[in-house]
Amino acid sequence: MQKVDIRKLLKDPSLFKEEAFINGQWIKADSSNMFDVTNPATGDLIGQVANLGPKDAELAILAAEKAFQDWKIKTGKERANIMRKWFDLIIANTQDLATLMTLEQGKPLVESTGEVAY
């Protein structure tokens, strides 16, 4: 199995993460365990990601509940602005996101690009 340096394939290497995003932070699993992610089309190792367990899931659930409480008091305009910013970031990073999807899922790049744009 060959290790591929995904960061070299991306315009913005910071988009490639191996940690979990919980409560606004990138964190390692409580157990520090990781698992391999391979490209199913080639068998190449493309990275390792945090292997989250029950403690991590509990943290994520608590963070989601807090985020929901914050979200529900925002006005429609505030929510729309946040969603628009998210959309703009997805569009600005379409190629990198499609590359990541292709490597992780083994699908053709054109299909991944269409899925990101959709």
C-alpha atoms as a PDB file:
ATOM      1  CA  MET A   1       0.000   0.000   0.000  1.00  0.00           C
ATOM      2  CA  GLN A   2       1.424   3.330  -1.096  1.00  0.00           C
ATOM      3  CA  LYS A   3       0.913   6.517   0.979  1.00  0.00           C
ATOM      4  CA  VAL A   4      -0.334   9.465  -1.069  1.00  0.00           C
ATOM      5  CA  ASP A   5       0.385  12.993   0.196  1.00  0.00           C
ATOM      6  CA  ILE A   6      -3.014  14.539  -0.429  1.00  0.00           C
ATOM      7  CA  ARG A   7      -1.869  17.977   0.663  1.00  0.00           C
ATOM      8  CA  LYS A   8       0.307  18.219  -2.464  1.00  0.00           C
ATOM      9  CA  LEU A   9      -2.786  17.674  -4.631  1.00  0.00           C
ATOM     10  CA  LEU A  10      -4.807  20.506  -3.098  1.00  0.00           C
ATOM     11  CA  LYS A  11      -4.727  24.244  -3.775  1.00  0.00           C
ATOM     12  CA  ASP A  12      -5.570  24.733  -0.092  1.00  0.00           C
ATOM     13  CA  PRO A  13      -3.898  21.917   1.871  1.00  0.00           C
ATOM     14  CA  SER A  14      -5.568  23.114   5.084  1.00  0.00           C
ATOM     15  CA  LEU A  15      -8.819  21.534   3.844  1.00  0.00           C
ATOM     16  CA  PHE A  16      -7.399  18.060   4.531  1.00  0.00           C
ATOM     17  CA  LYS A  17      -7.987  17.140   8.167  1.00  0.00           C
ATOM     18  CA  GLU A  18      -7.358  13.951  10.087  1.00  0.00           C
ATOM     19  CA  GLU A  19      -8.983  15.121  13.318  1.00  0.00           C
ATOM     20  CA  ALA A  20     -12.672  15.351  14.240  1.00  0.00           C
ATOM     21  CA  PHE A  21     -14.465  18.714  14.303  1.00  0.00           C
ATOM     22  CA  ILE A  22     -16.334  18.977  17.598  1.00  0.00           C
ATOM     23  CA  ASN A  23     -17.513  22.150  19.301  1.00  0.00           C
ATOM     24  CA  GLY A  24     -15.636  24.428  16.922  1.00  0.00           C
ATOM     25  CA  GLN A  25     -12.290  22.651  17.311  1.00  0.00           C
ATOM     26  CA  TRP A  26     -10.319  19.988  15.470  1.00  0.00           C
ATOM     27  CA  ILE A  27      -9.589  17.285  18.043  1.00  0.00           C
ATOM     28  CA  LYS A  28      -8.051  13.828  18.234  1.00  0.00           C
ATOM     29  CA  ALA A  29     -10.142  10.920  19.480  1.00  0.00           C
ATOM     30  CA  ASP A  30     -10.259  10.584  23.258  1.00  0.00           C
ATOM     31  CA  SER A  31      -8.566   7.207  22.813  1.00  0.00           C
ATOM     32  CA  SER A  32      -6.019   8.719  20.369  1.00  0.00           C
ATOM     33  CA  ASN A  33      -6.941   5.840  18.028  1.00  0.00           C
ATOM     34  CA  MET A  34      -6.909   6.446  14.290  1.00  0.00           C
ATOM     35  CA  PHE A  35      -8.021   4.380  11.324  1.00  0.00           C
ATOM     36  CA  ASP A  36      -6.710   4.236   7.776  1.00  0.00           C
ATOM     37  CA  VAL A  37      -8.581   5.777   4.865  1.00  0.00           C
ATOM     38  CA  THR A  38      -7.722   4.207   1.527  1.00  0.00           C
ATOM     39  CA  ASN A  39      -8.624   5.051  -2.035  1.00  0.00           C
ATOM     40  CA  PRO A  40     -10.897   2.167  -3.074  1.00  0.00           C
ATOM     41  CA  ALA A  41      -9.875   2.576  -6.725  1.00  0.00           C
ATOM     42  CA  THR A  42      -6.133   2.169  -6.083  1.00  0.00           C
ATOM     43  CA  GLY A  43      -5.747   0.825  -2.555  1.00  0.00           C
ATOM     44  CA  ASP A  44      -3.429   3.745  -1.738  1.00  0.00           C
ATOM     45  CA  LEU A  45      -3.398   5.049   1.830  1.00  0.00           C
ATOM     46  CA  ILE A  46      -4.657   8.627   1.689  1.00  0.00           C
ATOM     47  CA  GLY A  47      -4.750   9.394   5.392  1.00  0.00           C
ATOM     48  CA  GLN A  48      -5.750   8.400   8.866  1.00  0.00           C
ATOM     49  CA  VAL A  49      -8.691   9.833  10.754  1.00  0.00           C
ATOM     50  CA  ALA A  50      -9.744   9.964  14.370  1.00  0.00           C
ATOM     51  CA  ASN A  51     -11.511   6.774  15.456  1.00  0.00           C
ATOM     52  CA  LEU A  52     -14.093   8.315  17.747  1.00  0.00           C
ATOM     53  CA  GLY A  53     -15.649   6.439  20.620  1.00  0.00           C
ATOM     54  CA  PRO A  54     -18.523   6.906  23.082  1.00  0.00           C
ATOM     55  CA  LYS A  55     -16.891   9.808  24.970  1.00  0.00           C
ATOM     56  CA  ASP A  56     -16.303  11.646  21.698  1.00  0.00           C
ATOM     57  CA  ALA A  57     -19.890  11.001  20.615  1.00  0.00           C
ATOM     58  CA  GLU A  58     -21.165  12.438  23.896  1.00  0.00           C
ATOM     59  CA  LEU A  59     -19.044  15.574  23.386  1.00  0.00           C
ATOM     60  CA  ALA A  60     -20.398  15.933  19.856  1.00  0.00           C
ATOM     61  CA  ILE A  61     -24.004  15.541  21.035  1.00  0.00           C
ATOM     62  CA  LEU A  62     -23.553  18.164  23.753  1.00  0.00           C
ATOM     63  CA  ALA A  63     -21.902  20.532  21.267  1.00  0.00           C
ATOM     64  CA  ALA A  64     -24.722  19.997  18.759  1.00  0.00           C
ATOM     65  CA  GLU A  65     -27.326  20.790  21.418  1.00  0.00           C
ATOM     66  CA  LYS A  66     -25.499  24.013  22.320  1.00  0.00           C
ATOM     67  CA  ALA A  67     -25.134  24.953  18.650  1.00  0.00           C
ATOM     68  CA  PHE A  68     -28.855  24.379  18.117  1.00  0.00           C
ATOM     69  CA  GLN A  69     -29.707  26.661  21.038  1.00  0.00           C
ATOM     70  CA  ASP A  70     -27.495  29.382  19.538  1.00  0.00           C
ATOM     71  CA  TRP A  71     -28.876  28.806  16.015  1.00  0.00           C
ATOM     72  CA  LYS A  72     -32.549  28.960  16.937  1.00  0.00           C
ATOM     73  CA  ILE A  73     -32.270  32.478  18.379  1.00  0.00           C
ATOM     74  CA  LYS A  74     -30.639  33.877  15.237  1.00  0.00           C
ATOM     75  CA  THR A  75     -32.817  35.880  12.894  1.00  0.00           C
ATOM     76  CA  GLY A  76     -33.662  34.605   9.445  1.00  0.00           C
ATOM     77  CA  LYS A  77     -31.290  37.167   7.970  1.00  0.00           C
ATOM     78  CA  GLU A  78     -28.426  36.025  10.224  1.00  0.00           C
ATOM     79  CA  ARG A  79     -29.047  32.402   9.291  1.00  0.00           C
ATOM     80  CA  ALA A  80     -29.209  33.293   5.599  1.00  0.00           C
ATOM     81  CA  ASN A  81     -25.889  35.151   5.845  1.00  0.00           C
ATOM     82  CA  ILE A  82     -24.226  32.164   7.521  1.00  0.00           C
ATOM     83  CA  MET A  83     -25.626  29.738   4.947  1.00  0.00           C
ATOM     84  CA  ARG A  84     -24.559  32.020   2.092  1.00  0.00           C
ATOM     85  CA  LYS A  85     -21.015  32.221   3.466  1.00  0.00           C
ATOM     86  CA  TRP A  86     -20.935  28.417   3.700  1.00  0.00           C
ATOM     87  CA  PHE A  87     -22.167  28.140   0.096  1.00  0.00           C
ATOM     88  CA  ASP A  88     -19.538  30.647  -1.078  1.00  0.00           C
ATOM     89  CA  LEU A  89     -16.782  28.654   0.650  1.00  0.00           C
ATOM     90  CA  ILE A  90     -17.963  25.416  -0.964  1.00  0.00           C
ATOM     91  CA  ILE A  91     -17.997  27.027  -4.414  1.00  0.00           C
ATOM     92  CA  ALA A  92     -14.574  28.636  -3.862  1.00  0.00           C
ATOM     93  CA  ASN A  93     -13.130  25.237  -2.909  1.00  0.00           C
ATOM     94  CA  THR A  94     -15.034  23.023  -5.351  1.00  0.00           C
ATOM     95  CA  GLN A  95     -11.942  21.503  -6.995  1.00  0.00           C
ATOM     96  CA  ASP A  96     -10.239  20.613  -3.721  1.00  0.00           C
ATOM     97  CA  LEU A  97     -13.433  19.178  -2.234  1.00  0.00           C
ATOM     98  CA  ALA A  98     -14.028  17.137  -5.391  1.00  0.00           C
ATOM     99  CA  THR A  99     -10.431  15.868  -5.294  1.00  0.00           C
ATOM    100  CA  LEU A 100     -10.875  14.755  -1.680  1.00  0.00           C
ATOM    101  CA  MET A 101     -14.149  12.984  -2.523  1.00  0.00           C
ATOM    102  CA  THR A 102     -12.587  11.238  -5.504  1.00  0.00           C
ATOM    103  CA  LEU A 103      -9.626   9.992  -3.488  1.00  0.00           C
ATOM    104  CA  GLU A 104     -11.771   8.825  -0.582  1.00  0.00           C
ATOM    105  CA  GLN A 105     -14.595   7.277  -2.583  1.00  0.00           C
ATOM    106  CA  GLY A 106     -12.856   6.189  -5.789  1.00  0.00           C
ATOM    107  CA  LYS A 107     -15.410   7.906  -8.007  1.00  0.00           C
ATOM    108  CA  PRO A 108     -14.550   9.873 -11.167  1.00  0.00           C
ATOM    109  CA  LEU A 109     -13.507  13.483 -10.587  1.00  0.00           C
ATOM    110  CA  VAL A 110     -16.265  14.817 -12.837  1.00  0.00           C
ATOM    111  CA  GLU A 111     -18.864  13.033 -10.691  1.00  0.00           C
ATOM    112  CA  SER A 112     -17.354  14.401  -7.476  1.00  0.00           C
ATOM    113  CA  THR A 113     -17.243  17.902  -8.952  1.00  0.00           C
ATOM    114  CA  GLY A 114     -20.913  17.678  -9.873  1.00  0.00           C
ATOM    115  CA  GLU A 115     -21.807  16.437  -6.408  1.00  0.00           C
ATOM    116  CA  VAL A 116     -19.975  19.315  -4.717  1.00  0.00           C
ATOM    117  CA  ALA A 117     -21.617  21.858  -7.025  1.00  0.00           C
ATOM    118  CA  TYR A 118     -25.062  20.352  -6.472  1.00  0.00           C
END
